[in-house]
């Protein structure tokens, strides 16, 4: 990386951090002063590139969001993420079989990378996560305790969990237990 690109990236990150730019920058911002909590070494990517095992939790994740597919030639998720309601997401997961399911909110939070934002996830491992200013929410199976009509989702723009209605369309990343 050339010095001018590094300086531009650093300057943009600084301006982003103090709130002087917002929607202009559409790239992941990671704090170089923080050690990643979810480094590449925490994950094992399957031979076909479609699944990721989190070595810390033992969970196996779909590398791409629902509606996208892994393209080995491009080493990327391609396509457009599906926007599913909570009932649609549950039905989608059930239809996939093989133990795939909608993760609970605690499981989803294990993917958040606090040293980065927009999105707050390891993009080397999960390259299909939408980047700011796109919405990068992932729906969970966890219902909100305060309302029968609400569920939890993870906002990967900021790395925070939040409530949403069951009727709101969101992205879906499936998970399953590791094979014995």
N, C-alpha and C. Protein backbone atom coordinates (compact mmCIF):
# COMPACT_ATOMS: atom_id res chain seq x y z
N UNK A 1 0.86 -1.18 0.00
CA UNK A 1 0.00 0.00 0.00
C UNK A 1 0.90 1.23 0.00
N UNK A 2 0.60 2.16 -0.86
CA UNK A 2 1.43 3.36 -0.95
C UNK A 2 1.20 4.26 0.26
N UNK A 3 2.18 5.13 0.49
CA UNK A 3 2.09 6.06 1.62
C UNK A 3 0.87 6.95 1.50
N UNK A 4 0.55 7.42 0.30
CA UNK A 4 -0.59 8.33 0.15
C UNK A 4 -1.91 7.62 0.45
N UNK A 5 -2.01 6.34 0.06
CA UNK A 5 -3.24 5.59 0.38
C UNK A 5 -3.34 5.37 1.87
N UNK A 6 -2.19 5.00 2.52
CA UNK A 6 -2.22 4.80 3.97
C UNK A 6 -2.60 6.09 4.67
N UNK A 7 -2.05 7.22 4.24
CA UNK A 7 -2.37 8.51 4.87
C UNK A 7 -3.84 8.86 4.64
N UNK A 8 -4.34 8.63 3.42
CA UNK A 8 -5.75 8.92 3.14
C UNK A 8 -6.66 8.05 3.99
N UNK A 9 -6.30 6.77 4.12
CA UNK A 9 -7.10 5.86 4.93
C UNK A 9 -7.07 6.28 6.39
N UNK A 10 -5.87 6.63 6.88
CA UNK A 10 -5.74 7.07 8.27
C UNK A 10 -6.52 8.36 8.50
N UNK A 11 -6.42 9.31 7.57
CA UNK A 11 -7.15 10.57 7.71
C UNK A 11 -8.65 10.34 7.68
N UNK A 12 -9.10 9.48 6.78
CA UNK A 12 -10.54 9.19 6.72
C UNK A 12 -11.00 8.54 8.01
N UNK A 13 -10.19 7.61 8.54
CA UNK A 13 -10.55 6.96 9.81
C UNK A 13 -10.62 7.95 10.95
N UNK A 14 -9.67 8.90 10.99
CA UNK A 14 -9.67 9.93 12.02
C UNK A 14 -10.91 10.81 11.89
N UNK A 15 -11.22 11.24 10.68
CA UNK A 15 -12.40 12.09 10.47
C UNK A 15 -13.68 11.34 10.81
N UNK A 16 -13.72 10.06 10.45
CA UNK A 16 -14.87 9.24 10.79
C UNK A 16 -15.03 9.15 12.30
N UNK A 17 -13.91 8.92 12.99
CA UNK A 17 -13.94 8.78 14.45
C UNK A 17 -14.44 10.01 15.16
N UNK A 18 -14.19 11.20 14.62
CA UNK A 18 -14.64 12.43 15.28
C UNK A 18 -15.95 12.94 14.68
N UNK A 19 -16.53 12.16 13.77
CA UNK A 19 -17.84 12.51 13.25
C UNK A 19 -17.87 13.55 12.15
N UNK A 20 -16.72 13.83 11.52
CA UNK A 20 -16.71 14.85 10.48
C UNK A 20 -17.13 14.31 9.12
N UNK A 21 -17.03 12.99 8.93
CA UNK A 21 -17.58 12.39 7.72
C UNK A 21 -18.48 11.24 8.15
N UNK A 22 -19.49 11.00 7.37
CA UNK A 22 -20.43 9.95 7.74
C UNK A 22 -20.73 9.08 6.55
N UNK A 23 -21.66 9.49 5.70
CA UNK A 23 -22.07 8.65 4.60
C UNK A 23 -21.11 8.69 3.42
N UNK A 24 -20.10 9.54 3.45
CA UNK A 24 -19.17 9.64 2.35
C UNK A 24 -18.27 8.40 2.30
N UNK A 25 -17.84 7.92 3.44
CA UNK A 25 -16.93 6.80 3.50
C UNK A 25 -17.73 5.50 3.55
N UNK A 26 -17.53 4.64 2.57
CA UNK A 26 -18.27 3.39 2.51
C UNK A 26 -17.31 2.22 2.59
N UNK A 27 -16.47 2.19 3.59
CA UNK A 27 -15.52 1.11 3.76
C UNK A 27 -15.37 0.81 5.24
N UNK A 28 -14.99 -0.42 5.53
CA UNK A 28 -14.79 -0.82 6.91
C UNK A 28 -13.70 0.03 7.55
N UNK A 29 -13.92 0.43 8.78
CA UNK A 29 -12.94 1.20 9.53
C UNK A 29 -12.53 0.39 10.75
N UNK A 30 -11.24 0.06 10.85
CA UNK A 30 -10.72 -0.68 12.00
C UNK A 30 -9.70 0.20 12.72
N UNK A 31 -9.72 0.14 14.03
CA UNK A 31 -8.80 0.92 14.84
C UNK A 31 -7.47 0.19 14.90
N UNK A 32 -6.42 0.76 14.29
CA UNK A 32 -5.12 0.08 14.28
C UNK A 32 -4.49 -0.03 15.66
N UNK A 33 -5.00 0.72 16.62
CA UNK A 33 -4.48 0.67 17.98
C UNK A 33 -5.07 -0.45 18.82
N UNK A 34 -6.07 -1.14 18.28
CA UNK A 34 -6.70 -2.24 19.00
C UNK A 34 -6.35 -3.58 18.36
N UNK A 35 -6.09 -4.56 19.18
CA UNK A 35 -5.85 -5.91 18.69
C UNK A 35 -7.21 -6.53 18.38
N UNK A 36 -7.38 -7.13 17.19
CA UNK A 36 -8.66 -7.76 16.86
C UNK A 36 -9.03 -8.83 17.89
N UNK A 37 -10.28 -8.85 18.28
CA UNK A 37 -10.81 -9.84 19.22
C UNK A 37 -11.14 -11.13 18.48
N UNK A 38 -11.48 -11.01 17.21
CA UNK A 38 -11.85 -12.15 16.38
C UNK A 38 -10.89 -12.25 15.18
N UNK A 39 -9.63 -12.63 15.43
CA UNK A 39 -8.64 -12.69 14.35
C UNK A 39 -8.92 -13.87 13.41
N UNK A 40 -8.31 -13.84 12.25
CA UNK A 40 -8.47 -14.93 11.28
C UNK A 40 -8.18 -16.29 11.91
N UNK A 41 -7.20 -16.35 12.82
CA UNK A 41 -6.79 -17.62 13.43
C UNK A 41 -7.88 -18.24 14.30
N UNK A 42 -8.93 -17.48 14.64
CA UNK A 42 -10.03 -18.02 15.43
C UNK A 42 -10.98 -18.87 14.58
N UNK A 43 -10.81 -18.82 13.27
CA UNK A 43 -11.74 -19.48 12.36
C UNK A 43 -11.04 -20.49 11.47
N UNK A 44 -11.80 -21.52 11.09
CA UNK A 44 -11.33 -22.49 10.10
C UNK A 44 -12.36 -22.49 8.97
N UNK A 45 -11.92 -22.13 7.78
CA UNK A 45 -12.79 -22.09 6.62
C UNK A 45 -12.80 -23.48 5.99
N UNK A 46 -13.97 -23.95 5.62
CA UNK A 46 -14.10 -25.28 5.00
C UNK A 46 -13.37 -25.31 3.66
N UNK A 47 -13.08 -26.50 3.18
CA UNK A 47 -12.36 -26.66 1.93
C UNK A 47 -13.04 -26.01 0.74
N UNK A 48 -14.38 -26.02 0.73
CA UNK A 48 -15.10 -25.40 -0.38
C UNK A 48 -15.37 -23.91 -0.14
N UNK A 49 -14.99 -23.40 1.04
CA UNK A 49 -15.14 -21.99 1.35
C UNK A 49 -16.53 -21.54 1.77
N UNK A 50 -17.48 -22.46 1.84
CA UNK A 50 -18.87 -22.09 2.11
C UNK A 50 -19.22 -22.01 3.59
N UNK A 51 -18.41 -22.62 4.43
CA UNK A 51 -18.68 -22.65 5.87
C UNK A 51 -17.46 -22.21 6.64
N UNK A 52 -17.72 -21.71 7.86
CA UNK A 52 -16.66 -21.26 8.74
C UNK A 52 -16.92 -21.84 10.13
N UNK A 53 -15.92 -22.52 10.68
CA UNK A 53 -16.01 -23.01 12.05
C UNK A 53 -15.31 -22.02 12.96
N UNK A 54 -16.04 -21.57 13.98
CA UNK A 54 -15.46 -20.69 14.99
C UNK A 54 -14.80 -21.61 16.02
N UNK A 55 -13.49 -21.59 16.09
CA UNK A 55 -12.75 -22.49 16.96
C UNK A 55 -12.95 -22.17 18.44
N UNK A 56 -13.38 -20.95 18.75
CA UNK A 56 -13.62 -20.57 20.15
C UNK A 56 -14.97 -21.08 20.64
N UNK A 57 -15.98 -21.09 19.78
CA UNK A 57 -17.33 -21.49 20.20
C UNK A 57 -17.73 -22.87 19.71
N UNK A 58 -17.05 -23.36 18.67
CA UNK A 58 -17.42 -24.64 18.07
C UNK A 58 -18.57 -24.53 17.09
N UNK A 59 -19.12 -23.35 16.91
CA UNK A 59 -20.23 -23.17 15.97
C UNK A 59 -19.74 -23.13 14.54
N UNK A 60 -20.57 -23.62 13.64
CA UNK A 60 -20.27 -23.58 12.21
C UNK A 60 -21.24 -22.58 11.59
N UNK A 61 -20.70 -21.62 10.86
CA UNK A 61 -21.48 -20.53 10.26
C UNK A 61 -21.48 -20.65 8.74
N UNK A 62 -22.58 -20.28 8.13
CA UNK A 62 -22.57 -20.08 6.69
C UNK A 62 -21.74 -18.84 6.45
N UNK A 63 -20.84 -18.92 5.52
CA UNK A 63 -19.95 -17.80 5.25
C UNK A 63 -20.71 -16.64 4.60
N UNK A 64 -21.70 -16.96 3.79
CA UNK A 64 -22.47 -15.94 3.08
C UNK A 64 -23.86 -15.82 3.69
N UNK A 65 -24.41 -14.64 3.61
CA UNK A 65 -25.77 -14.40 4.07
C UNK A 65 -26.75 -15.12 3.15
N UNK A 66 -27.94 -15.40 3.66
CA UNK A 66 -29.00 -16.00 2.84
C UNK A 66 -29.22 -15.13 1.61
N UNK A 67 -29.35 -15.77 0.45
CA UNK A 67 -29.52 -15.06 -0.80
C UNK A 67 -28.22 -14.86 -1.56
N UNK A 68 -27.10 -15.08 -0.89
CA UNK A 68 -25.79 -14.94 -1.51
C UNK A 68 -25.17 -16.34 -1.62
N UNK A 69 -24.17 -16.47 -2.47
CA UNK A 69 -23.49 -17.75 -2.58
C UNK A 69 -21.99 -17.52 -2.68
N UNK A 70 -21.23 -18.55 -2.26
CA UNK A 70 -19.79 -18.45 -2.26
C UNK A 70 -19.26 -18.67 -3.67
N UNK A 71 -18.42 -17.75 -4.13
CA UNK A 71 -17.79 -17.84 -5.43
C UNK A 71 -16.30 -18.05 -5.19
N UNK A 72 -15.84 -19.29 -5.35
CA UNK A 72 -14.45 -19.62 -5.06
C UNK A 72 -13.48 -18.90 -5.99
N UNK A 73 -13.88 -18.69 -7.24
CA UNK A 73 -13.00 -18.00 -8.19
C UNK A 73 -12.72 -16.56 -7.77
N UNK A 74 -13.72 -15.92 -7.19
CA UNK A 74 -13.56 -14.53 -6.74
C UNK A 74 -13.20 -14.44 -5.27
N UNK A 75 -13.22 -15.58 -4.56
CA UNK A 75 -12.98 -15.63 -3.12
C UNK A 75 -13.88 -14.62 -2.40
N UNK A 76 -15.17 -14.69 -2.76
CA UNK A 76 -16.13 -13.71 -2.23
C UNK A 76 -17.55 -14.27 -2.26
N UNK A 77 -18.39 -13.67 -1.45
CA UNK A 77 -19.83 -13.95 -1.52
C UNK A 77 -20.39 -13.06 -2.62
N UNK A 78 -21.20 -13.66 -3.48
CA UNK A 78 -21.80 -12.89 -4.56
C UNK A 78 -23.32 -12.98 -4.47
N UNK A 79 -23.98 -12.03 -5.11
CA UNK A 79 -25.44 -11.98 -5.05
C UNK A 79 -25.89 -10.91 -4.08
N UNK A 80 -27.18 -10.91 -3.83
CA UNK A 80 -27.79 -9.91 -2.95
C UNK A 80 -28.38 -10.61 -1.73
N UNK A 81 -28.08 -10.11 -0.54
CA UNK A 81 -28.66 -10.73 0.66
C UNK A 81 -30.19 -10.67 0.62
N UNK A 82 -30.82 -11.76 1.02
CA UNK A 82 -32.28 -11.79 1.15
C UNK A 82 -32.68 -11.00 2.37
N UNK A 83 -33.81 -10.34 2.28
CA UNK A 83 -34.38 -9.62 3.43
C UNK A 83 -35.61 -10.42 3.87
N UNK A 84 -35.50 -11.07 5.02
CA UNK A 84 -36.54 -11.96 5.50
C UNK A 84 -37.13 -11.48 6.82
N UNK A 85 -38.42 -11.68 6.99
CA UNK A 85 -39.05 -11.44 8.28
C UNK A 85 -38.64 -12.57 9.22
N UNK A 86 -38.98 -12.45 10.48
CA UNK A 86 -38.60 -13.46 11.45
C UNK A 86 -39.20 -14.81 11.08
N UNK A 87 -40.48 -14.86 10.76
CA UNK A 87 -41.11 -16.15 10.40
C UNK A 87 -40.52 -16.66 9.09
N UNK A 88 -40.22 -15.77 8.15
CA UNK A 88 -39.59 -16.18 6.90
C UNK A 88 -38.19 -16.74 7.13
N UNK A 89 -37.45 -16.13 8.05
CA UNK A 89 -36.10 -16.59 8.37
C UNK A 89 -36.14 -17.97 9.04
N UNK A 90 -37.08 -18.17 9.95
CA UNK A 90 -37.21 -19.48 10.59
C UNK A 90 -37.57 -20.55 9.57
N UNK A 91 -38.48 -20.23 8.64
CA UNK A 91 -38.87 -21.18 7.60
C UNK A 91 -37.70 -21.46 6.66
N UNK A 92 -36.96 -20.44 6.30
CA UNK A 92 -35.80 -20.61 5.43
C UNK A 92 -34.79 -21.56 6.09
N UNK A 93 -34.48 -21.32 7.36
CA UNK A 93 -33.52 -22.16 8.08
C UNK A 93 -34.00 -23.61 8.15
N UNK A 94 -35.28 -23.80 8.45
CA UNK A 94 -35.83 -25.15 8.53
C UNK A 94 -35.73 -25.86 7.17
N UNK A 95 -35.93 -25.12 6.10
CA UNK A 95 -35.87 -25.68 4.76
C UNK A 95 -34.47 -26.06 4.31
N UNK A 96 -33.45 -25.51 4.95
CA UNK A 96 -32.07 -25.81 4.58
C UNK A 96 -31.63 -27.18 5.07
N UNK A 97 -32.26 -27.67 6.16
CA UNK A 97 -31.89 -28.99 6.69
C UNK A 97 -30.46 -29.01 7.20
N UNK A 98 -29.95 -30.20 7.46
CA UNK A 98 -28.56 -30.38 7.88
C UNK A 98 -28.22 -29.73 9.21
N UNK A 99 -29.22 -29.44 10.04
CA UNK A 99 -28.96 -28.81 11.33
C UNK A 99 -28.83 -27.30 11.29
N UNK A 100 -28.96 -26.70 10.09
CA UNK A 100 -28.87 -25.23 9.98
C UNK A 100 -30.06 -24.60 10.67
N UNK A 101 -29.80 -23.49 11.34
CA UNK A 101 -30.85 -22.79 12.08
C UNK A 101 -30.51 -21.32 12.18
N UNK A 102 -31.49 -20.56 12.64
CA UNK A 102 -31.30 -19.15 12.91
C UNK A 102 -30.57 -19.05 14.26
N UNK A 103 -29.46 -18.30 14.34
CA UNK A 103 -28.73 -18.21 15.60
C UNK A 103 -29.48 -17.37 16.63
N UNK A 104 -29.22 -17.64 17.91
CA UNK A 104 -29.77 -16.77 18.94
C UNK A 104 -28.88 -15.54 19.04
N UNK A 105 -29.33 -14.54 19.76
CA UNK A 105 -28.59 -13.27 19.80
C UNK A 105 -27.22 -13.43 20.46
N UNK A 106 -27.10 -14.30 21.44
CA UNK A 106 -25.79 -14.52 22.07
C UNK A 106 -24.80 -15.10 21.07
N UNK A 107 -25.26 -16.01 20.22
CA UNK A 107 -24.39 -16.57 19.20
C UNK A 107 -23.97 -15.52 18.18
N UNK A 108 -24.92 -14.70 17.75
CA UNK A 108 -24.60 -13.64 16.78
C UNK A 108 -23.57 -12.66 17.32
N UNK A 109 -23.65 -12.34 18.60
CA UNK A 109 -22.71 -11.37 19.17
C UNK A 109 -21.28 -11.91 19.17
N UNK A 110 -21.11 -13.24 19.09
CA UNK A 110 -19.75 -13.78 19.05
C UNK A 110 -19.05 -13.48 17.73
N UNK A 111 -19.78 -12.99 16.74
CA UNK A 111 -19.17 -12.63 15.46
C UNK A 111 -18.73 -11.17 15.40
N UNK A 112 -19.21 -10.37 16.32
CA UNK A 112 -18.90 -8.93 16.29
C UNK A 112 -17.42 -8.69 16.59
N UNK A 113 -16.81 -7.85 15.78
CA UNK A 113 -15.41 -7.46 15.96
C UNK A 113 -15.37 -6.03 16.47
N UNK A 114 -15.13 -5.85 17.79
CA UNK A 114 -15.20 -4.51 18.38
C UNK A 114 -14.10 -3.55 17.91
N UNK A 115 -13.05 -4.05 17.28
CA UNK A 115 -12.00 -3.13 16.81
C UNK A 115 -12.35 -2.53 15.44
N UNK A 116 -13.48 -2.97 14.85
CA UNK A 116 -13.88 -2.46 13.54
C UNK A 116 -15.34 -2.01 13.57
N UNK A 117 -15.69 -1.21 12.58
CA UNK A 117 -17.09 -0.83 12.40
C UNK A 117 -17.35 -0.68 10.91
N UNK A 118 -18.59 -0.74 10.57
CA UNK A 118 -19.08 -0.51 9.20
C UNK A 118 -18.45 -1.45 8.18
N UNK A 119 -18.51 -2.74 8.34
CA UNK A 119 -19.14 -3.53 9.38
C UNK A 119 -18.17 -3.97 10.48
N UNK A 120 -18.74 -4.31 11.62
CA UNK A 120 -18.00 -4.76 12.79
C UNK A 120 -17.93 -6.28 12.79
N UNK A 121 -17.21 -6.82 11.82
CA UNK A 121 -17.05 -8.26 11.66
C UNK A 121 -15.75 -8.49 10.91
N UNK A 122 -15.19 -9.67 11.02
CA UNK A 122 -13.96 -10.00 10.31
C UNK A 122 -14.32 -10.22 8.84
N UNK A 123 -14.02 -9.24 8.00
CA UNK A 123 -14.38 -9.31 6.57
C UNK A 123 -13.54 -10.31 5.79
N UNK A 124 -12.38 -10.70 6.28
CA UNK A 124 -11.61 -11.73 5.61
C UNK A 124 -12.33 -13.07 5.71
N UNK A 125 -13.02 -13.28 6.81
CA UNK A 125 -13.72 -14.53 7.05
C UNK A 125 -15.17 -14.46 6.55
N UNK A 126 -15.83 -13.32 6.74
CA UNK A 126 -17.23 -13.13 6.33
C UNK A 126 -17.31 -11.98 5.33
N UNK A 127 -16.80 -12.20 4.10
CA UNK A 127 -16.70 -11.11 3.13
C UNK A 127 -18.04 -10.64 2.57
N UNK A 128 -19.11 -11.34 2.81
CA UNK A 128 -20.40 -10.93 2.25
C UNK A 128 -21.20 -10.00 3.13
N UNK A 129 -20.66 -9.60 4.26
CA UNK A 129 -21.40 -8.71 5.15
C UNK A 129 -21.48 -7.32 4.53
N UNK A 130 -22.69 -6.80 4.35
CA UNK A 130 -22.83 -5.48 3.73
C UNK A 130 -22.06 -4.42 4.51
N UNK A 131 -21.54 -3.46 3.78
CA UNK A 131 -20.76 -2.38 4.38
C UNK A 131 -21.60 -1.11 4.43
N UNK A 132 -21.27 -0.25 5.35
CA UNK A 132 -21.91 1.05 5.49
C UNK A 132 -21.86 1.77 4.16
N UNK A 133 -22.88 2.47 3.72
CA UNK A 133 -24.09 2.84 4.44
C UNK A 133 -25.24 1.84 4.32
N UNK A 134 -25.00 0.68 3.72
CA UNK A 134 -26.06 -0.34 3.66
C UNK A 134 -26.38 -0.85 5.05
N UNK A 135 -27.60 -1.25 5.24
CA UNK A 135 -27.97 -1.89 6.50
C UNK A 135 -27.27 -3.24 6.56
N UNK A 136 -26.67 -3.56 7.65
CA UNK A 136 -25.99 -4.85 7.79
C UNK A 136 -26.48 -5.55 9.05
N UNK A 137 -27.78 -5.70 9.13
CA UNK A 137 -28.40 -6.38 10.26
C UNK A 137 -28.46 -7.88 10.00
N UNK A 138 -28.36 -8.67 11.04
CA UNK A 138 -28.57 -10.11 10.96
C UNK A 138 -29.59 -10.48 12.03
N UNK A 139 -30.61 -11.16 11.61
CA UNK A 139 -31.72 -11.52 12.48
C UNK A 139 -31.36 -12.70 13.38
N UNK A 140 -31.86 -12.69 14.61
CA UNK A 140 -31.66 -13.81 15.53
C UNK A 140 -32.98 -14.53 15.79
N UNK A 141 -32.88 -15.67 16.41
CA UNK A 141 -34.07 -16.43 16.80
C UNK A 141 -34.62 -15.96 18.14
N UNK A 142 -33.90 -15.09 18.83
CA UNK A 142 -34.26 -14.67 20.19
C UNK A 142 -35.39 -13.64 20.19
N UNK A 143 -36.46 -13.99 20.89
CA UNK A 143 -37.56 -13.04 21.02
C UNK A 143 -37.22 -12.03 22.11
N UNK A 144 -37.71 -10.83 21.92
CA UNK A 144 -37.48 -9.74 22.87
C UNK A 144 -38.40 -9.95 24.08
N UNK A 145 -37.86 -9.90 25.27
CA UNK A 145 -38.64 -10.17 26.48
C UNK A 145 -39.74 -9.15 26.73
N UNK A 146 -39.57 -7.93 26.22
CA UNK A 146 -40.53 -6.86 26.50
C UNK A 146 -41.73 -6.85 25.57
N UNK A 147 -41.67 -7.61 24.47
CA UNK A 147 -42.76 -7.54 23.50
C UNK A 147 -42.84 -8.83 22.70
N UNK A 148 -44.05 -9.37 22.58
CA UNK A 148 -44.24 -10.59 21.79
C UNK A 148 -43.97 -10.35 20.31
N UNK A 149 -44.08 -9.11 19.86
CA UNK A 149 -43.90 -8.81 18.45
C UNK A 149 -42.49 -8.43 18.06
N UNK A 150 -41.54 -8.46 19.02
CA UNK A 150 -40.18 -8.03 18.75
C UNK A 150 -39.17 -9.16 18.94
N UNK A 151 -38.07 -9.06 18.20
CA UNK A 151 -36.97 -10.01 18.29
C UNK A 151 -35.66 -9.22 18.30
N UNK A 152 -34.58 -9.92 18.59
CA UNK A 152 -33.26 -9.30 18.60
C UNK A 152 -32.56 -9.49 17.26
N UNK A 153 -31.80 -8.49 16.89
CA UNK A 153 -30.95 -8.59 15.71
C UNK A 153 -29.61 -7.97 16.04
N UNK A 154 -28.62 -8.30 15.23
CA UNK A 154 -27.28 -7.74 15.40
C UNK A 154 -27.05 -6.71 14.31
N UNK A 155 -26.64 -5.53 14.71
CA UNK A 155 -26.30 -4.48 13.76
C UNK A 155 -24.79 -4.53 13.54
N UNK A 156 -24.38 -5.12 12.41
CA UNK A 156 -22.95 -5.24 12.15
C UNK A 156 -22.32 -3.95 11.64
N UNK A 157 -23.11 -2.89 11.44
CA UNK A 157 -22.50 -1.58 11.19
C UNK A 157 -21.75 -1.15 12.44
N UNK A 158 -22.42 -1.28 13.59
CA UNK A 158 -21.84 -0.80 14.85
C UNK A 158 -21.35 -1.92 15.76
N UNK A 159 -21.83 -3.13 15.56
CA UNK A 159 -21.47 -4.23 16.45
C UNK A 159 -22.36 -4.33 17.67
N UNK A 160 -23.53 -3.69 17.62
CA UNK A 160 -24.45 -3.68 18.76
C UNK A 160 -25.69 -4.52 18.46
N UNK A 161 -26.22 -5.15 19.50
CA UNK A 161 -27.49 -5.85 19.34
C UNK A 161 -28.61 -4.87 19.61
N UNK A 162 -29.76 -5.12 18.99
CA UNK A 162 -30.90 -4.22 19.15
C UNK A 162 -32.18 -4.97 18.84
N UNK A 163 -33.27 -4.41 19.27
CA UNK A 163 -34.57 -5.01 19.00
C UNK A 163 -35.14 -4.53 17.67
N UNK A 164 -35.99 -5.35 17.10
CA UNK A 164 -36.71 -5.01 15.88
C UNK A 164 -38.02 -5.79 15.88
N UNK A 165 -38.93 -5.44 15.02
CA UNK A 165 -40.19 -6.17 14.97
C UNK A 165 -40.01 -7.45 14.17
N UNK A 166 -40.86 -8.43 14.46
CA UNK A 166 -40.82 -9.69 13.73
C UNK A 166 -41.15 -9.49 12.25
N UNK A 167 -41.88 -8.43 11.94
CA UNK A 167 -42.29 -8.17 10.56
C UNK A 167 -41.23 -7.44 9.74
N UNK A 168 -40.21 -6.89 10.39
CA UNK A 168 -39.17 -6.14 9.67
C UNK A 168 -38.26 -7.10 8.91
N UNK A 169 -38.00 -6.81 7.64
CA UNK A 169 -37.09 -7.67 6.86
C UNK A 169 -35.63 -7.41 7.24
N UNK A 170 -34.88 -8.49 7.40
CA UNK A 170 -33.47 -8.42 7.79
C UNK A 170 -32.68 -9.51 7.07
N UNK A 171 -31.37 -9.36 7.06
CA UNK A 171 -30.49 -10.39 6.54
C UNK A 171 -30.44 -11.56 7.51
N UNK A 172 -30.00 -12.70 7.00
CA UNK A 172 -29.94 -13.92 7.81
C UNK A 172 -28.61 -14.62 7.57
N UNK A 173 -27.91 -14.98 8.64
CA UNK A 173 -26.72 -15.81 8.57
C UNK A 173 -26.99 -17.05 9.40
N UNK A 174 -26.99 -18.22 8.75
CA UNK A 174 -27.32 -19.47 9.44
C UNK A 174 -26.13 -20.03 10.21
N UNK A 175 -26.46 -20.83 11.22
CA UNK A 175 -25.46 -21.47 12.07
C UNK A 175 -25.90 -22.90 12.36
N UNK A 176 -24.96 -23.73 12.73
CA UNK A 176 -25.27 -25.09 13.21
C UNK A 176 -24.18 -25.50 14.18
N UNK A 177 -24.47 -26.53 14.94
CA UNK A 177 -23.47 -27.08 15.84
C UNK A 177 -22.42 -27.81 15.01
N UNK A 178 -21.22 -27.88 15.53
CA UNK A 178 -20.17 -28.58 14.78
C UNK A 178 -20.48 -30.07 14.75
N UNK A 179 -19.97 -30.73 13.73
CA UNK A 179 -20.18 -32.17 13.61
C UNK A 179 -19.38 -32.88 14.69
N UNK A 180 -19.94 -33.93 15.26
CA UNK A 180 -19.22 -34.65 16.33
C UNK A 180 -17.96 -35.33 15.83
